[in-house]
Amino acid sequence: MATIDRQTATLALAHALAAAGRGLPVFPLSATKLPALRSPHHGEQQPVRCRGECGLPGHGVHDATTDPAAVRALFAAAPRATGYGIACGRAPHRLVGIDLDIDTAHGNDSVGALQQLALQHLFTIPPTVTVLTPSGGRHLWLTGPADTTVPNSAGRLAPGIDVRGSGGYLVGPGSVTAHGRYRLAPGTAHLPPAPCPRALLRLLTPPPRRLAGAPGGTTPGRRGEGLIQFVLAAHEGQRNTRLFWAACRAYEHGFGDALADALTAAAVRTGLTEQEARAAIASAERLTRGRG
């Protein structure tokens, strides 16, 4: 097993160096897909605001670099790394990752949802680098313009579609995780990351959320009723995903607090406990507040 581990770590470093050579900032990941280096601030009183200013490694995506010597040093400090992360939103590529989770067993067809969005908003996804995940999903690599910051999001576009933007990262092809290997889709290895279509970019960068009660703020109205019906239509295996997605949309449009009780009641009717529902809504509020 030790020999396999050393070989896996060696291959992870080789893949990371190749990515860095193409201008993609990288850092080591463990088999859990989390940063492989422990934070130098572990045990300090929270919250710690350091993003690498202390000069020590162990700041996750903020360690990412294209410098070969620095990449080697990071992996030397993380001998058990089995993969590497690629920082999104960073020059020169300003990578935007569209993470399509394939979960047809629970009714989440993220590929179909993206196709539907493309039809509704009149854009097409150009040929681009595509990474196949061990779970059967895929990551589409796109590039964003220098004057636009794409935020991270989970299920905001549609259930099963996550976005990796500024401050986020993608698992690089060639990485090995506890669930398997990430690999380039056939026919995409030679492609550069394609520019994100403008119409899709507008969907990825929603306008700033209005505070509830502020001038011009919104109230639930018919949109809120639609979100409640979306939650009520959830089948087993979809409940948390649909509730989280609906709560994110409500908070983004400024009426999350006003709709929280109704969303909770709807989720309880589908089979969630009130505690589970409240926790999902609170997670949505934290995520959207962090993007505001």
Protein backbone atom coordinates (compact mmCIF):
# COMPACT_ATOMS: atom_id res chain seq x y z
CA MET A 1 0.00 0.00 0.00
CA ALA A 2 2.88 2.40 0.79
CA THR A 3 4.26 1.90 -2.73
CA ILE A 4 0.86 2.64 -4.26
CA ASP A 5 0.54 5.74 -2.08
CA ARG A 6 3.95 7.04 -3.17
CA GLN A 7 3.11 6.39 -6.81
CA THR A 8 -0.24 8.15 -6.46
CA ALA A 9 1.42 11.15 -4.80
CA THR A 10 4.09 11.27 -7.51
CA LEU A 11 1.46 11.22 -10.25
CA ALA A 12 -0.57 13.89 -8.47
CA LEU A 13 2.48 16.16 -8.41
CA ALA A 14 3.18 15.47 -12.09
CA HIS A 15 -0.40 16.35 -13.08
CA ALA A 16 -0.29 19.47 -10.91
CA LEU A 17 2.96 20.64 -12.49
CA ALA A 18 1.51 20.09 -15.96
CA ALA A 19 -1.54 22.19 -15.05
CA ALA A 20 0.64 24.91 -13.55
CA GLY A 21 2.63 24.96 -16.78
CA ARG A 22 -0.60 25.88 -18.59
CA GLY A 23 -1.16 28.85 -16.29
CA LEU A 24 -3.56 27.14 -13.86
CA PRO A 25 -2.84 27.86 -10.15
CA VAL A 26 -2.74 24.57 -8.21
CA PHE A 27 -2.40 23.21 -4.66
CA PRO A 28 -2.44 19.67 -3.16
CA LEU A 29 -5.63 17.84 -2.21
CA SER A 30 -6.24 14.81 -0.02
CA ALA A 31 -8.36 11.81 -1.03
CA THR A 32 -11.35 13.60 0.53
CA LYS A 33 -11.02 16.42 -2.07
CA LEU A 34 -10.11 18.82 0.76
CA PRO A 35 -6.80 20.73 1.00
CA ALA A 36 -4.05 18.31 1.99
CA LEU A 37 -2.15 20.77 4.18
CA ARG A 38 -3.34 21.50 7.70
CA SER A 39 -3.93 25.15 8.49
CA PRO A 40 -1.08 26.77 10.42
CA HIS A 41 -3.82 28.50 12.43
CA HIS A 42 -5.38 25.26 13.66
CA GLY A 43 -6.34 25.68 17.30
CA GLU A 44 -6.32 29.47 17.21
CA GLN A 45 -9.39 31.37 18.32
CA GLN A 46 -11.88 31.69 15.48
CA PRO A 47 -12.49 33.39 13.15
CA VAL A 48 -9.03 33.54 11.56
CA ARG A 49 -8.94 35.95 8.62
CA CYS A 50 -5.50 35.02 7.24
CA ARG A 51 -5.46 34.03 3.58
CA GLY A 52 -1.75 33.29 3.43
CA GLU A 53 -0.48 36.67 4.56
CA CYS A 54 1.44 34.89 7.35
CA GLY A 55 3.68 33.33 4.70
CA LEU A 56 3.01 29.75 5.79
CA PRO A 57 1.32 27.06 3.66
CA GLY A 58 -1.97 25.54 4.68
CA HIS A 59 -4.49 28.13 3.48
CA GLY A 60 -6.27 25.92 0.98
CA VAL A 61 -7.11 27.56 -2.32
CA HIS A 62 -5.10 30.62 -1.27
CA ASP A 63 -1.93 28.47 -1.54
CA ALA A 64 -2.56 27.91 -5.25
CA THR A 65 0.36 28.85 -7.48
CA THR A 66 1.74 28.37 -10.99
CA ASP A 67 5.37 28.52 -9.85
CA PRO A 68 6.90 25.03 -10.30
CA ALA A 69 9.24 25.36 -7.32
CA ALA A 70 6.38 26.50 -5.08
CA VAL A 71 4.18 23.64 -6.33
CA ARG A 72 6.91 21.13 -5.49
CA ALA A 73 7.32 22.65 -2.04
CA LEU A 74 3.59 22.39 -1.33
CA PHE A 75 3.51 18.73 -2.34
CA ALA A 76 6.67 18.01 -0.36
CA ALA A 77 4.85 19.33 2.70
CA ALA A 78 1.84 17.13 1.85
CA PRO A 79 3.32 13.68 1.09
CA ARG A 80 -0.10 11.99 1.34
CA ALA A 81 -1.71 14.20 -1.31
CA THR A 82 -3.50 12.16 -3.97
CA GLY A 83 -4.69 15.01 -6.17
CA TYR A 84 -4.66 18.71 -6.76
CA GLY A 85 -7.08 21.59 -6.84
CA ILE A 86 -7.22 24.31 -9.47
CA ALA A 87 -8.10 27.78 -8.19
CA CYS A 88 -10.93 29.41 -10.13
CA GLY A 89 -11.26 33.08 -10.94
CA ARG A 90 -7.52 33.67 -11.08
CA ALA A 91 -5.57 35.20 -13.98
CA PRO A 92 -4.73 34.43 -16.71
CA HIS A 93 -7.63 32.05 -17.42
CA ARG A 94 -10.07 33.25 -14.73
CA LEU A 95 -11.55 29.78 -14.70
CA VAL A 96 -15.28 29.28 -14.12
CA GLY A 97 -16.29 25.69 -13.36
CA ILE A 98 -19.78 24.36 -14.07
CA ASP A 99 -20.18 21.26 -11.91
CA LEU A 100 -22.93 18.98 -13.22
CA ASP A 101 -23.95 16.37 -10.67
CA ILE A 102 -25.59 13.33 -12.28
CA ASP A 103 -28.20 11.90 -9.92
CA THR A 104 -31.06 10.59 -12.06
CA ALA A 105 -32.03 8.15 -9.31
CA HIS A 106 -33.29 11.12 -7.30
CA GLY A 107 -34.66 13.01 -10.26
CA ASN A 108 -31.80 15.50 -10.66
CA ASP A 109 -30.90 15.75 -14.34
CA SER A 110 -28.36 18.58 -14.26
CA VAL A 111 -27.33 18.11 -17.90
CA GLY A 112 -30.96 18.42 -18.99
CA ALA A 113 -31.42 21.42 -16.69
CA LEU A 114 -28.43 23.19 -18.26
CA GLN A 115 -29.78 22.45 -21.73
CA GLN A 116 -33.14 23.90 -20.72
CA LEU A 117 -31.45 27.05 -19.42
CA ALA A 118 -29.56 27.33 -22.71
CA LEU A 119 -32.83 27.14 -24.65
CA GLN A 120 -34.57 29.67 -22.42
CA HIS A 121 -31.73 32.19 -22.46
CA LEU A 122 -30.46 31.61 -26.00
CA PHE A 123 -26.91 30.43 -25.46
CA THR A 124 -24.90 27.33 -26.30
CA ILE A 125 -22.05 25.77 -24.35
CA PRO A 126 -19.02 25.81 -26.68
CA PRO A 127 -16.64 22.86 -26.95
CA THR A 128 -14.37 23.11 -23.93
CA VAL A 129 -12.29 21.15 -21.43
CA THR A 130 -14.54 18.63 -19.69
CA VAL A 131 -13.53 16.56 -16.67
CA LEU A 132 -15.41 13.36 -15.78
CA THR A 133 -15.92 12.76 -12.07
CA PRO A 134 -15.93 9.36 -10.30
CA SER A 135 -19.65 9.74 -9.51
CA GLY A 136 -20.58 10.08 -13.19
CA GLY A 137 -20.83 13.87 -13.21
CA ARG A 138 -18.73 16.31 -15.17
CA HIS A 139 -16.98 19.65 -14.81
CA LEU A 140 -17.13 22.11 -17.68
CA TRP A 141 -14.25 24.59 -17.79
CA LEU A 142 -15.09 28.09 -18.99
CA THR A 143 -13.25 31.40 -18.74
CA GLY A 144 -14.61 34.67 -17.43
CA PRO A 145 -13.78 38.27 -18.34
CA ALA A 146 -11.32 40.29 -16.25
CA ASP A 147 -13.97 42.82 -15.20
CA THR A 148 -16.43 40.26 -13.81
CA THR A 149 -16.29 38.30 -10.56
CA VAL A 150 -18.25 35.06 -10.71
CA PRO A 151 -19.36 33.91 -7.23
CA ASN A 152 -19.50 30.32 -6.05
CA SER A 153 -22.96 28.82 -5.78
CA ALA A 154 -24.61 25.50 -4.99
CA GLY A 155 -27.78 24.68 -6.90
CA ARG A 156 -28.60 28.32 -7.67
CA LEU A 157 -28.98 27.79 -11.42
CA ALA A 158 -30.87 24.52 -10.91
CA PRO A 159 -30.69 21.53 -8.57
CA GLY A 160 -27.50 19.58 -9.25
CA ILE A 161 -25.64 22.47 -10.90
CA ASP A 162 -22.88 24.01 -8.79
CA VAL A 163 -20.63 26.86 -9.90
CA ARG A 164 -17.00 27.29 -8.95
CA GLY A 165 -15.86 30.88 -9.28
CA SER A 166 -13.71 33.33 -7.37
CA GLY A 167 -12.41 31.74 -4.17
CA GLY A 168 -13.46 28.25 -5.27
CA TYR A 169 -11.59 25.37 -6.83
CA LEU A 170 -12.03 22.37 -9.10
CA VAL A 171 -10.47 18.94 -8.61
CA GLY A 172 -7.91 18.61 -11.39
CA PRO A 173 -7.93 15.74 -13.91
CA GLY A 174 -5.62 12.92 -12.88
CA SER A 175 -6.49 13.37 -9.20
CA VAL A 176 -7.40 10.27 -7.22
CA THR A 177 -10.02 10.50 -4.47
CA ALA A 178 -11.64 8.02 -2.13
CA HIS A 179 -14.32 7.49 -4.80
CA GLY A 180 -12.08 7.18 -7.84
CA ARG A 181 -10.14 9.14 -10.42
CA TYR A 182 -10.96 12.40 -12.19
CA ARG A 183 -10.17 12.21 -15.89
CA LEU A 184 -10.46 14.30 -19.01
CA ALA A 185 -13.41 13.48 -21.25
CA PRO A 186 -12.33 11.99 -24.60
CA GLY A 187 -11.81 14.62 -27.26
CA THR A 188 -11.45 17.57 -24.87
CA ALA A 189 -7.83 17.29 -23.70
CA HIS A 190 -6.54 19.42 -26.59
CA LEU A 191 -9.13 22.17 -26.10
CA PRO A 192 -8.50 25.42 -24.23
CA PRO A 193 -11.15 26.52 -21.71
CA ALA A 194 -13.82 28.30 -23.78
CA PRO A 195 -15.15 31.79 -22.97
CA CYS A 196 -18.34 31.70 -20.92
CA PRO A 197 -21.32 32.72 -23.09
CA ARG A 198 -22.53 36.20 -22.16
CA ALA A 199 -26.08 35.06 -21.46
CA LEU A 200 -24.83 32.37 -19.09
CA LEU A 201 -22.45 34.84 -17.46
CA ARG A 202 -25.42 37.06 -16.63
CA LEU A 203 -27.10 34.12 -14.91
CA LEU A 204 -23.92 33.42 -12.92
CA THR A 205 -23.60 37.00 -11.69
CA PRO A 206 -26.98 37.99 -10.22
CA PRO A 207 -27.57 41.59 -9.16
CA PRO A 208 -26.73 42.46 -5.53
CA ARG A 209 -29.32 41.25 -3.10
CA ARG A 210 -31.60 43.95 -1.69
CA LEU A 211 -32.04 44.05 2.04
CA ALA A 212 -35.52 43.27 3.24
CA GLY A 213 -37.40 46.48 3.91
CA ALA A 214 -35.01 48.62 1.88
CA PRO A 215 -36.39 50.98 -0.77
CA GLY A 216 -37.16 48.96 -3.86
CA GLY A 217 -37.02 45.71 -1.89
CA THR A 218 -39.11 42.78 -3.01
CA THR A 219 -41.80 40.78 -1.25
CA PRO A 220 -42.58 37.09 -1.81
CA GLY A 221 -45.74 37.44 -3.91
CA ARG A 222 -46.21 34.99 -6.75
CA ARG A 223 -42.51 34.21 -6.93
CA GLY A 224 -42.62 33.04 -3.33
CA GLU A 225 -45.65 30.87 -4.07
CA GLY A 226 -43.72 29.26 -6.91
CA LEU A 227 -40.82 28.44 -4.60
CA ILE A 228 -43.17 26.89 -2.06
CA GLN A 229 -44.78 24.73 -4.75
CA PHE A 230 -41.30 23.71 -5.91
CA VAL A 231 -40.53 22.44 -2.40
CA LEU A 232 -43.90 20.68 -2.06
CA ALA A 233 -43.24 18.76 -5.29
CA ALA A 234 -40.08 17.15 -3.87
CA HIS A 235 -39.84 13.37 -3.82
CA GLU A 236 -37.73 11.35 -1.39
CA GLY A 237 -34.08 12.12 -2.05
CA GLN A 238 -34.91 15.62 -3.37
CA ARG A 239 -36.24 17.28 -0.23
CA ASN A 240 -33.09 18.95 1.10
CA THR A 241 -31.85 19.87 -2.37
CA ARG A 242 -35.11 21.50 -3.42
CA LEU A 243 -35.54 23.32 -0.10
CA PHE A 244 -31.97 24.65 -0.17
CA TRP A 245 -32.34 25.79 -3.78
CA ALA A 246 -35.65 27.55 -3.08
CA ALA A 247 -34.30 29.25 0.05
CA CYS A 248 -31.25 30.50 -1.87
CA ARG A 249 -33.50 32.05 -4.50
CA ALA A 250 -35.67 33.69 -1.83
CA TYR A 251 -32.70 35.22 -0.01
CA GLU A 252 -31.11 36.39 -3.25
CA HIS A 253 -34.29 38.33 -4.06
CA GLY A 254 -34.56 39.85 -0.60
CA PHE A 255 -37.52 37.97 0.88
CA GLY A 256 -35.83 34.94 2.44
CA ASP A 257 -36.72 35.88 6.03
CA ALA A 258 -40.33 36.59 5.04
CA LEU A 259 -40.66 33.20 3.32
CA ALA A 260 -38.70 31.09 5.82
CA ASP A 261 -41.70 29.90 7.84
CA ALA A 262 -43.70 28.98 4.74
CA LEU A 263 -40.74 27.11 3.25
CA THR A 264 -40.27 25.27 6.55
CA ALA A 265 -43.93 24.24 6.62
CA ALA A 266 -43.74 23.04 3.03
CA ALA A 267 -40.59 21.02 3.73
CA VAL A 268 -42.18 19.41 6.80
CA ARG A 269 -45.12 18.34 4.62
CA THR A 270 -42.68 16.51 2.32
CA GLY A 271 -41.18 14.55 5.22
CA LEU A 272 -38.34 16.66 6.62
CA THR A 273 -38.28 17.50 10.30
CA GLU A 274 -38.60 21.16 11.28
CA GLN A 275 -35.02 21.09 12.57
CA GLU A 276 -33.73 19.75 9.23
CA ALA A 277 -35.71 22.36 7.31
CA ARG A 278 -34.53 25.24 9.48
CA ALA A 279 -30.92 24.08 9.13
CA ALA A 280 -31.16 23.97 5.32
CA ILE A 281 -32.71 27.44 5.19
CA ALA A 282 -30.04 28.82 7.52
CA SER A 283 -27.35 27.34 5.26
CA ALA A 284 -28.94 29.05 2.26
CA GLU A 285 -29.04 32.38 4.11
CA ARG A 286 -25.33 32.09 5.04
CA LEU A 287 -24.33 31.21 1.48
CA THR A 288 -26.24 34.08 -0.16
CA ARG A 289 -25.13 36.57 2.50
CA GLY A 290 -21.53 35.60 1.76
CA ARG A 291 -22.09 36.42 -1.92
CA GLY A 292 -23.72 39.77 -1.26
